[in-house]
């Protein structure tokens, strides 16, 4: 919606609910002043400051920690016109549920701000409402009632899910198709276990731990909890695995294999988590490129650019030393091993005689694609595209080495002598271009 349309809609709402009398508009100043007199704040910065003040005062009054100013704040600022704050509560016994589940439900589903005390979640939350004349008690109770219903549903799902092993939930993956031509989620888990086991030692991880995590990595997709709260996939798997006696390192890797979820997200912190996170992204890229789903133009429905950048961040965080081509060729070999002869994989194109054959150059193409994401990321960080291109011009495809070279080159390029040396090399290259031998 265009800003002018939003302003007109806001004016209409103000007239209908809070100021039913007509508002005469003769010029821009009258329009803005009229909106404010009738409980619509058109200035986003002023509205944001008011919401921040509401959250600050509410947290202080409850003796709680300050509320973080993050994406939810920016969203709520655009959902209200004349914000007021209301503090609500829910039953304290519901705090026995996993904290992240409670927080996710409040923030994602209801746009409430949970309150913490000394870093521990409380049973209080702040609602930024939009009616300055509302009965605060009624607003608080209404919002709490909605929240309690979701939490009691979550507690039911938790008990039902934990009544059987996580591996039993994984059986549902056999009927879950992933992407057309790339099999089921169960078959994907098999590939992750094979590839993750192969990569484990290079990440300093135990192969059996990585394989155990891989076999359960997608199991929580079959749970009622993730069905209701899809944002918790991975986290639910980790919680259930830990409660059912799975080794801690494997349980943590189940959650960490989804990291990073976006460009600025944290990467996996454990060796097993990093190995499985790398396998996850290699499998996505090899599979999708194999069936012709490369991103074109601005379109990227499978999130392959994000997957490639996630692989870059994971390899750098783990200080993984090796060649990208070889890494992708290993993934191609695993895909070939698992896809050959199985129904549903007919569209996947790779070697036809050997699990390591790659006549179409799929591994090399993916290495080039991934290095392009590395370049885009570095340029976004403020590095010159020319500097990045210079570092990538060689045949070296070891990301750790490339990143170190780029850091060194960028530092050198900032010195006073760089321009003189660059000019000297240009002259040498021009002379060599004209030489016959």
Protein backbone atom coordinates (compact mmCIF):
# COMPACT_ATOMS: atom_id res chain seq x y z
CA UNK A 1 0.00 0.00 0.00
CA UNK A 2 1.35 3.45 -0.93
CA UNK A 3 1.99 5.89 1.97
CA UNK A 4 -0.71 8.28 0.79
CA UNK A 5 -3.24 5.42 0.70
CA UNK A 6 -2.19 4.33 4.20
CA UNK A 7 -2.69 7.87 5.43
CA UNK A 8 -6.17 8.03 3.92
CA UNK A 9 -7.05 4.66 5.47
CA UNK A 10 -5.74 5.86 8.84
CA UNK A 11 -7.86 8.98 8.55
CA UNK A 12 -10.93 6.83 7.79
CA UNK A 13 -10.28 4.60 10.82
CA UNK A 14 -9.84 7.61 13.06
CA UNK A 15 -13.16 9.02 11.88
CA UNK A 16 -15.06 5.77 12.32
CA UNK A 17 -13.72 4.66 15.70
CA UNK A 18 -12.10 7.46 17.64
CA UNK A 19 -13.32 10.64 15.91
CA UNK A 20 -16.55 10.01 14.00
CA UNK A 21 -16.97 13.71 13.13
CA UNK A 22 -15.68 14.82 9.71
CA UNK A 23 -12.17 16.27 9.48
CA UNK A 24 -11.73 19.19 7.13
CA UNK A 25 -8.50 19.01 5.10
CA UNK A 26 -7.43 22.19 3.33
CA UNK A 27 -3.66 21.72 3.06
CA UNK A 28 -0.84 19.34 4.06
CA UNK A 29 -0.36 20.93 7.48
CA UNK A 30 -4.07 20.67 8.23
CA UNK A 31 -4.04 17.03 7.18
CA UNK A 32 -1.15 16.11 9.49
CA UNK A 33 -2.47 18.14 12.44
CA UNK A 34 -5.94 16.75 11.90
CA UNK A 35 -4.66 13.19 12.03
CA UNK A 36 -2.89 13.82 15.32
CA UNK A 37 -5.90 15.52 16.89
CA UNK A 38 -7.88 12.43 15.98
CA UNK A 39 -5.43 9.87 17.36
CA UNK A 40 -3.34 8.96 14.33
CA UNK A 41 0.41 9.59 14.50
CA UNK A 42 1.58 9.81 10.85
CA UNK A 43 5.29 10.30 11.67
CA UNK A 44 6.87 6.84 11.86
CA UNK A 45 9.83 8.03 13.91
CA UNK A 46 7.53 9.61 16.47
CA UNK A 47 5.38 6.48 16.54
CA UNK A 48 8.46 4.29 17.02
CA UNK A 49 9.70 6.47 19.87
CA UNK A 50 6.32 6.14 21.56
CA UNK A 51 6.38 2.33 21.26
CA UNK A 52 9.94 2.21 22.66
CA UNK A 53 8.82 4.36 25.58
CA UNK A 54 5.85 2.05 26.19
CA UNK A 55 8.09 -1.02 26.31
CA UNK A 56 10.68 0.68 28.51
CA UNK A 57 8.11 1.82 31.06
CA UNK A 58 6.30 -1.53 31.13
CA UNK A 59 9.51 -3.49 31.70
CA UNK A 60 10.61 -1.13 34.46
CA UNK A 61 7.22 -1.29 36.18
CA UNK A 62 7.36 -5.11 36.20
CA UNK A 63 10.96 -5.17 37.43
CA UNK A 64 12.03 -6.88 34.20
CA UNK A 65 14.93 -6.57 31.78
CA UNK A 66 14.74 -3.91 29.03
CA UNK A 67 12.96 -5.14 25.89
CA UNK A 68 15.27 -5.56 22.89
CA UNK A 69 14.66 -3.21 19.96
CA UNK A 70 14.54 -5.66 17.07
CA UNK A 71 12.52 -6.73 14.06
CA UNK A 72 9.31 -7.20 16.07
CA UNK A 73 9.49 -3.59 17.21
CA UNK A 74 9.81 -2.42 13.58
CA UNK A 75 6.83 -4.56 12.59
CA UNK A 76 4.60 -3.39 15.43
CA UNK A 77 5.39 0.27 14.73
CA UNK A 78 3.71 -0.18 11.35
CA UNK A 79 0.68 -2.00 12.80
CA UNK A 80 -0.52 0.76 15.12
CA UNK A 81 -1.58 4.38 14.66
CA UNK A 82 -1.88 5.66 18.23
CA UNK A 83 -0.07 3.05 20.37
CA UNK A 84 -0.75 2.29 24.00
CA UNK A 85 0.83 -0.40 26.18
CA UNK A 86 -0.97 -3.19 28.02
CA UNK A 87 0.74 -5.76 30.27
CA UNK A 88 -0.81 -9.23 30.27
CA UNK A 89 -0.07 -12.46 32.13
CA UNK A 90 -0.50 -16.18 31.58
CA UNK A 91 -0.58 -19.09 34.01
CA UNK A 92 2.81 -19.52 35.68
CA UNK A 93 2.67 -23.31 35.39
CA UNK A 94 2.91 -22.93 31.60
CA UNK A 95 6.51 -21.82 32.08
CA UNK A 96 7.34 -25.52 32.24
CA UNK A 97 7.08 -25.52 28.45
CA UNK A 98 10.30 -24.91 26.48
CA UNK A 99 11.08 -21.18 26.72
CA UNK A 100 11.75 -20.79 23.01
CA UNK A 101 8.32 -22.24 22.23
CA UNK A 102 6.66 -19.69 24.51
CA UNK A 103 8.68 -16.81 23.13
CA UNK A 104 8.08 -17.84 19.52
CA UNK A 105 4.35 -18.09 20.08
CA UNK A 106 4.21 -14.67 21.71
CA UNK A 107 6.42 -12.89 19.20
CA UNK A 108 5.65 -14.59 15.88
CA UNK A 109 2.01 -15.56 16.25
CA UNK A 110 0.65 -12.79 18.48
CA UNK A 111 3.16 -9.90 18.14
CA UNK A 112 3.52 -9.69 21.92
CA UNK A 113 6.75 -8.69 23.65
CA UNK A 114 7.75 -11.30 26.27
CA UNK A 115 9.30 -10.00 29.47
CA UNK A 116 12.42 -11.51 31.07
CA UNK A 117 13.79 -10.99 34.55
CA UNK A 118 17.55 -11.47 34.90
CA UNK A 119 17.48 -13.29 31.58
CA UNK A 120 14.75 -15.73 32.66
CA UNK A 121 11.37 -15.71 30.92
CA UNK A 122 8.45 -14.55 33.10
CA UNK A 123 4.72 -15.12 32.65
CA UNK A 124 4.24 -11.48 31.67
CA UNK A 125 4.14 -9.86 28.26
CA UNK A 126 3.47 -6.46 26.71
CA UNK A 127 0.82 -5.85 24.05
CA UNK A 128 1.08 -2.67 22.00
CA UNK A 129 -2.58 -1.88 21.39
CA UNK A 130 -4.17 0.80 19.24
CA UNK A 131 -7.13 2.22 21.18
CA UNK A 132 -6.36 4.90 23.78
CA UNK A 133 -9.90 4.69 25.17
CA UNK A 134 -10.06 0.91 25.58
CA UNK A 135 -10.55 -0.81 28.93
CA UNK A 136 -6.97 -1.92 29.65
CA UNK A 137 -8.13 -4.82 31.84
CA UNK A 138 -10.38 -6.17 29.10
CA UNK A 139 -7.60 -5.86 26.50
CA UNK A 140 -5.13 -7.64 28.78
CA UNK A 141 -7.52 -10.50 29.55
CA UNK A 142 -8.55 -10.95 25.92
CA UNK A 143 -4.98 -11.22 24.72
CA UNK A 144 -4.05 -13.52 27.61
CA UNK A 145 -6.96 -15.81 26.77
CA UNK A 146 -5.71 -16.22 23.19
CA UNK A 147 -2.21 -16.92 24.42
CA UNK A 148 -3.28 -19.43 27.07
CA UNK A 149 -5.19 -21.42 24.44
CA UNK A 150 -2.10 -21.70 22.25
CA UNK A 151 0.09 -22.66 25.20
CA UNK A 152 -2.26 -25.36 26.44
CA UNK A 153 -2.40 -26.75 22.90
CA UNK A 154 1.41 -26.74 22.86
CA UNK A 155 1.54 -28.62 26.16
CA UNK A 156 -0.80 -31.25 24.71
CA UNK A 157 1.34 -31.59 21.59
CA UNK A 158 4.46 -31.94 23.73
CA UNK A 159 2.99 -34.79 25.75
CA UNK A 160 1.63 -36.55 22.69
CA UNK A 161 4.89 -36.24 20.76
CA UNK A 162 7.04 -37.49 23.63
CA UNK A 163 4.88 -40.58 24.00
CA UNK A 164 6.90 -42.19 21.21
CA UNK A 165 10.57 -42.04 20.17
CA UNK A 166 11.78 -39.37 17.79
CA UNK A 167 12.76 -42.12 15.36
CA UNK A 168 9.11 -43.15 15.18
CA UNK A 169 8.18 -39.62 14.05
CA UNK A 170 10.86 -39.97 11.37
CA UNK A 171 8.84 -42.77 9.76
CA UNK A 172 6.41 -40.12 8.47
CA UNK A 173 9.22 -38.71 6.34
CA UNK A 174 8.87 -41.64 3.95
CA UNK A 175 5.63 -40.12 2.62
CA UNK A 176 6.87 -36.52 2.58
CA UNK A 177 8.07 -35.45 -0.86
CA UNK A 178 10.86 -32.91 -0.84
CA UNK A 179 11.31 -31.44 -4.34
CA UNK A 180 10.05 -33.03 -7.52
CA UNK A 181 12.75 -35.34 -8.84
CA UNK A 182 14.69 -35.40 -5.56
CA UNK A 183 12.89 -38.07 -3.55
CA UNK A 184 11.41 -37.99 -0.07
CA UNK A 185 12.56 -36.36 3.15
CA UNK A 186 13.48 -39.83 4.42
CA UNK A 187 15.80 -40.35 1.43
CA UNK A 188 17.25 -36.94 2.10
CA UNK A 189 18.06 -38.00 5.64
CA UNK A 190 19.93 -41.03 4.27
CA UNK A 191 22.06 -38.81 2.03
CA UNK A 192 22.83 -36.44 4.89
CA UNK A 193 23.99 -39.37 7.02
CA UNK A 194 26.30 -40.64 4.27
CA UNK A 195 27.74 -37.27 3.31
CA UNK A 196 27.92 -36.03 6.90
CA UNK A 197 29.84 -39.15 7.89
CA UNK A 198 32.32 -38.55 5.08
CA UNK A 199 32.84 -34.91 6.07
CA UNK A 200 32.99 -35.44 9.84
CA UNK A 201 36.75 -35.84 10.28
CA UNK A 202 37.55 -32.72 8.23
CA UNK A 203 35.41 -30.73 10.68
CA UNK A 204 36.94 -32.39 13.73
CA UNK A 205 33.70 -34.26 14.42
CA UNK A 206 32.94 -37.87 15.26
CA UNK A 207 31.43 -39.63 12.23
CA UNK A 208 28.98 -41.73 14.27
CA UNK A 209 27.71 -38.63 16.06
CA UNK A 210 27.13 -36.81 12.77
CA UNK A 211 25.35 -39.81 11.26
CA UNK A 212 23.14 -40.27 14.32
CA UNK A 213 22.14 -36.60 14.14
CA UNK A 214 21.55 -36.79 10.37
CA UNK A 215 19.13 -39.70 10.70
CA UNK A 216 17.03 -37.66 13.15
CA UNK A 217 17.66 -34.22 11.65
CA UNK A 218 14.28 -34.01 9.89
CA UNK A 219 12.32 -36.25 12.27
CA UNK A 220 10.59 -33.39 14.07
CA UNK A 221 8.83 -32.48 10.80
CA UNK A 222 6.54 -35.38 11.63
CA UNK A 223 5.64 -34.07 15.10
CA UNK A 224 2.48 -32.25 16.11
CA UNK A 225 4.56 -29.51 17.71
CA UNK A 226 6.35 -28.52 14.49
CA UNK A 227 3.08 -28.90 12.61
CA UNK A 228 1.66 -26.14 14.82
CA UNK A 229 4.89 -24.15 15.25
CA UNK A 230 6.97 -24.64 12.06
CA UNK A 231 9.42 -21.95 13.21
CA UNK A 232 10.64 -24.42 15.85
CA UNK A 233 11.86 -27.14 13.48
CA UNK A 234 15.29 -28.27 14.58
CA UNK A 235 14.81 -26.89 18.08
CA UNK A 236 12.00 -29.35 18.76
CA UNK A 237 14.14 -32.17 17.37
CA UNK A 238 16.94 -31.22 19.73
CA UNK A 239 14.63 -31.05 22.77
CA UNK A 240 12.96 -34.39 22.04
CA UNK A 241 16.28 -36.10 21.27
CA UNK A 242 17.81 -34.86 24.52
CA UNK A 243 14.79 -35.96 26.57
CA UNK A 244 14.90 -39.41 24.98
CA UNK A 245 18.55 -40.11 25.72
CA UNK A 246 20.25 -39.16 22.46
CA UNK A 247 23.85 -38.06 23.05
CA UNK A 248 24.14 -34.32 23.63
CA UNK A 249 26.48 -33.70 20.71
CA UNK A 250 24.04 -35.36 18.29
CA UNK A 251 21.03 -33.57 19.81
CA UNK A 252 22.73 -30.18 19.45
CA UNK A 253 23.70 -30.97 15.84
CA UNK A 254 20.04 -31.63 15.00
CA UNK A 255 19.25 -27.99 15.77
CA UNK A 256 22.50 -26.53 14.48
CA UNK A 257 22.27 -28.08 11.04
CA UNK A 258 19.70 -25.40 10.13
CA UNK A 259 22.21 -22.62 10.94
CA UNK A 260 22.69 -20.07 9.53
CA UNK A 261 19.09 -19.47 8.52
CA UNK A 262 19.81 -16.04 7.00
CA UNK A 263 22.81 -13.88 6.12
CA UNK A 264 23.44 -12.37 9.56
CA UNK A 265 22.46 -15.46 11.57
CA UNK A 266 24.89 -17.36 13.79
CA UNK A 267 26.62 -20.44 12.40
CA UNK A 268 26.75 -23.88 14.02
CA UNK A 269 29.12 -23.84 16.98
CA UNK A 270 29.95 -27.54 17.39
CA UNK A 271 32.02 -29.78 15.08
CA UNK A 272 29.13 -32.18 14.48
CA UNK A 273 26.73 -29.30 13.89
CA UNK A 274 29.07 -27.73 11.35
CA UNK A 275 29.62 -30.98 9.47
CA UNK A 276 25.88 -31.59 9.24
CA UNK A 277 25.14 -27.96 8.34
CA UNK A 278 27.63 -28.21 5.46
CA UNK A 279 26.11 -31.52 4.31
CA UNK A 280 22.64 -29.97 4.42
CA UNK A 281 23.60 -27.15 2.08
CA UNK A 282 25.68 -29.32 -0.23
CA UNK A 283 22.71 -31.66 -0.62
CA UNK A 284 20.33 -28.78 -1.44
CA UNK A 285 22.68 -27.27 -4.01
CA UNK A 286 23.69 -30.50 -5.73
CA UNK A 287 20.12 -31.76 -5.86
CA UNK A 288 18.52 -28.56 -7.16
CA UNK A 289 21.23 -27.81 -9.72
CA UNK A 290 20.99 -31.44 -10.83
CA UNK A 291 17.34 -31.03 -11.81
CA UNK A 292 17.87 -27.65 -13.44
CA UNK A 293 16.65 -25.37 -10.66
CA UNK A 294 19.51 -22.87 -10.80
CA UNK A 295 18.47 -19.33 -9.82
CA UNK A 296 17.74 -17.12 -12.81
CA UNK A 297 17.70 -13.35 -12.57
CA UNK A 298 16.19 -12.24 -9.31
CA UNK A 299 14.25 -15.47 -8.80
CA UNK A 300 15.45 -18.05 -6.30
CA UNK A 301 12.44 -19.98 -4.98
CA UNK A 302 14.58 -22.73 -3.43
CA UNK A 303 16.84 -20.28 -1.59
CA UNK A 304 19.99 -21.59 -3.30
CA UNK A 305 21.89 -18.32 -2.99
CA UNK A 306 21.17 -18.36 0.73
CA UNK A 307 22.28 -22.00 0.91
CA UNK A 308 25.58 -21.21 -0.84
CA UNK A 309 26.27 -18.27 1.46
CA UNK A 310 25.39 -20.42 4.46
CA UNK A 311 27.95 -22.96 3.26
CA UNK A 312 30.55 -20.17 2.96
CA UNK A 313 29.89 -18.99 6.51
CA UNK A 314 29.98 -22.54 7.86
CA UNK A 315 33.28 -23.41 6.18
CA UNK A 316 34.90 -20.19 7.36
CA UNK A 317 33.60 -20.58 10.93
CA UNK A 318 35.04 -24.11 11.00
CA UNK A 319 38.32 -23.01 9.37
CA UNK A 320 37.69 -25.84 6.89
CA UNK A 321 40.68 -26.28 4.59
CA UNK A 322 40.09 -27.80 1.21
CA UNK A 323 39.02 -27.16 -2.34
CA UNK A 324 35.37 -26.31 -3.05
CA UNK A 325 35.40 -28.36 -6.24
CA UNK A 326 36.36 -31.49 -4.32
CA UNK A 327 33.74 -30.81 -1.67
CA UNK A 328 30.96 -30.53 -4.23
CA UNK A 329 32.22 -33.55 -6.18
CA UNK A 330 31.99 -35.61 -2.99
CA UNK A 331 28.37 -34.48 -2.62
CA UNK A 332 27.69 -35.33 -6.27
CA UNK A 333 29.09 -38.81 -5.65
CA UNK A 334 26.81 -39.37 -2.64
CA UNK A 335 23.81 -38.14 -4.61
CA UNK A 336 24.64 -40.46 -7.46
CA UNK A 337 25.08 -43.37 -5.07
CA UNK A 338 21.67 -42.82 -3.45
CA UNK A 339 19.70 -41.74 -6.53
CA UNK A 340 20.75 -44.34 -9.09
CA UNK A 341 18.01 -46.84 -9.79
CA UNK A 342 15.48 -45.28 -7.41
CA UNK A 343 12.11 -44.13 -8.71
CA UNK A 344 11.52 -40.40 -8.60
CA UNK A 345 15.10 -39.39 -9.42
CA UNK A 346 14.92 -39.71 -13.20
CA UNK A 347 15.40 -35.97 -13.71
CA UNK A 348 18.58 -35.76 -11.69
CA UNK A 349 21.52 -35.51 -14.11
CA UNK A 350 25.05 -36.55 -13.14
CA UNK A 351 27.54 -39.37 -13.80
CA UNK A 352 26.16 -42.61 -15.18
CA UNK A 353 28.96 -45.06 -14.51
CA UNK A 354 30.66 -44.06 -11.28
CA UNK A 355 29.50 -42.50 -8.06
CA UNK A 356 32.31 -39.96 -8.37
CA UNK A 357 31.83 -39.26 -12.10
CA UNK A 358 30.74 -35.75 -12.95
CA UNK A 359 30.83 -35.34 -16.73
CA UNK A 360 28.47 -32.37 -16.64
CA UNK A 361 30.89 -30.43 -14.42
CA UNK A 362 28.21 -30.04 -11.76
CA UNK A 363 30.71 -29.78 -8.90
CA UNK A 364 32.76 -27.13 -10.68
CA UNK A 365 29.65 -25.11 -11.60
CA UNK A 366 28.54 -25.15 -7.99
CA UNK A 367 31.98 -24.05 -6.80
CA UNK A 368 31.79 -21.06 -9.16
CA UNK A 369 28.24 -20.30 -7.94
CA UNK A 370 29.37 -20.43 -4.31
CA UNK A 371 32.38 -18.18 -4.94
CA UNK A 372 30.00 -15.67 -6.54
CA UNK A 373 28.06 -15.58 -3.25
CA UNK A 374 31.36 -15.12 -1.40
CA UNK A 375 32.12 -12.15 -3.65
CA UNK A 376 28.66 -10.59 -3.20
CA UNK A 377 28.96 -10.94 0.58
CA UNK A 378 32.39 -9.29 0.64
CA UNK A 379 31.18 -6.43 -1.55
CA UNK A 380 28.22 -5.94 0.80
CA UNK A 381 30.77 -5.64 3.61
CA UNK A 382 32.39 -2.74 1.76
CA UNK A 383 35.19 -4.51 -0.08
CA UNK A 384 35.98 -3.31 -3.58
CA UNK A 385 34.70 -5.66 -6.29
CA UNK A 386 38.03 -5.22 -8.10
CA UNK A 387 39.95 -6.44 -5.04
CA UNK A 388 37.69 -9.47 -4.63
CA UNK A 389 37.98 -10.31 -8.33
CA UNK A 390 41.76 -10.07 -8.11
CA UNK A 391 41.87 -12.56 -5.25
CA UNK A 392 39.43 -14.92 -7.01
CA UNK A 393 41.27 -14.74 -10.33
CA UNK A 394 43.56 -17.66 -9.51
CA UNK A 395 42.71 -21.34 -9.40
CA UNK A 396 42.71 -21.49 -5.60
CA UNK A 397 39.28 -22.38 -4.18
CA UNK A 398 40.14 -22.76 -0.51
CA UNK A 399 37.78 -20.29 1.18
CA UNK A 400 39.90 -19.84 4.30
CA UNK A 401 42.93 -19.04 2.19
CA UNK A 402 40.92 -16.74 -0.07
CA UNK A 403 39.52 -14.83 2.91
CA UNK A 404 43.01 -14.40 4.40
CA UNK A 405 44.41 -13.23 1.06
CA UNK A 406 41.56 -10.76 0.67
CA UNK A 407 42.16 -9.33 4.16
CA UNK A 408 45.87 -8.93 3.40
CA UNK A 409 45.26 -7.46 -0.05
CA UNK A 410 42.64 -5.01 1.25
CA UNK A 411 45.06 -3.83 3.92
CA UNK A 412 47.84 -3.41 1.38
CA UNK A 413 45.52 -1.57 -1.04
CA UNK A 414 44.94 1.05 1.63
CA UNK A 415 48.62 2.04 1.82
CA UNK A 416 50.16 5.03 0.05
CA UNK A 417 52.52 2.83 -2.00
CA UNK A 418 49.75 0.71 -3.54
CA UNK A 419 48.96 3.05 -6.44
CA UNK A 420 52.63 3.24 -7.45
CA UNK A 421 53.09 -0.54 -7.32
CA UNK A 422 49.83 -1.07 -9.23
CA UNK A 423 51.00 1.27 -11.99
CA UNK A 424 54.32 -0.61 -12.21
CA UNK A 425 52.55 -3.93 -12.62
CA UNK A 426 50.27 -2.50 -15.30
CA UNK A 427 53.32 -1.44 -17.31
CA UNK A 428 54.88 -4.88 -16.92
CA UNK A 429 51.63 -6.57 -18.06
CA UNK A 430 51.38 -4.27 -21.09
CA UNK A 431 54.95 -5.14 -22.08
CA UNK A 432 54.27 -8.87 -21.66
CA UNK A 433 51.10 -8.61 -23.77
CA UNK A 434 53.24 -7.40 -26.66
CA UNK A 435 56.00 -9.96 -26.23
CA UNK A 436 56.21 -12.87 -28.67
CA UNK A 437 57.75 -15.29 -26.18
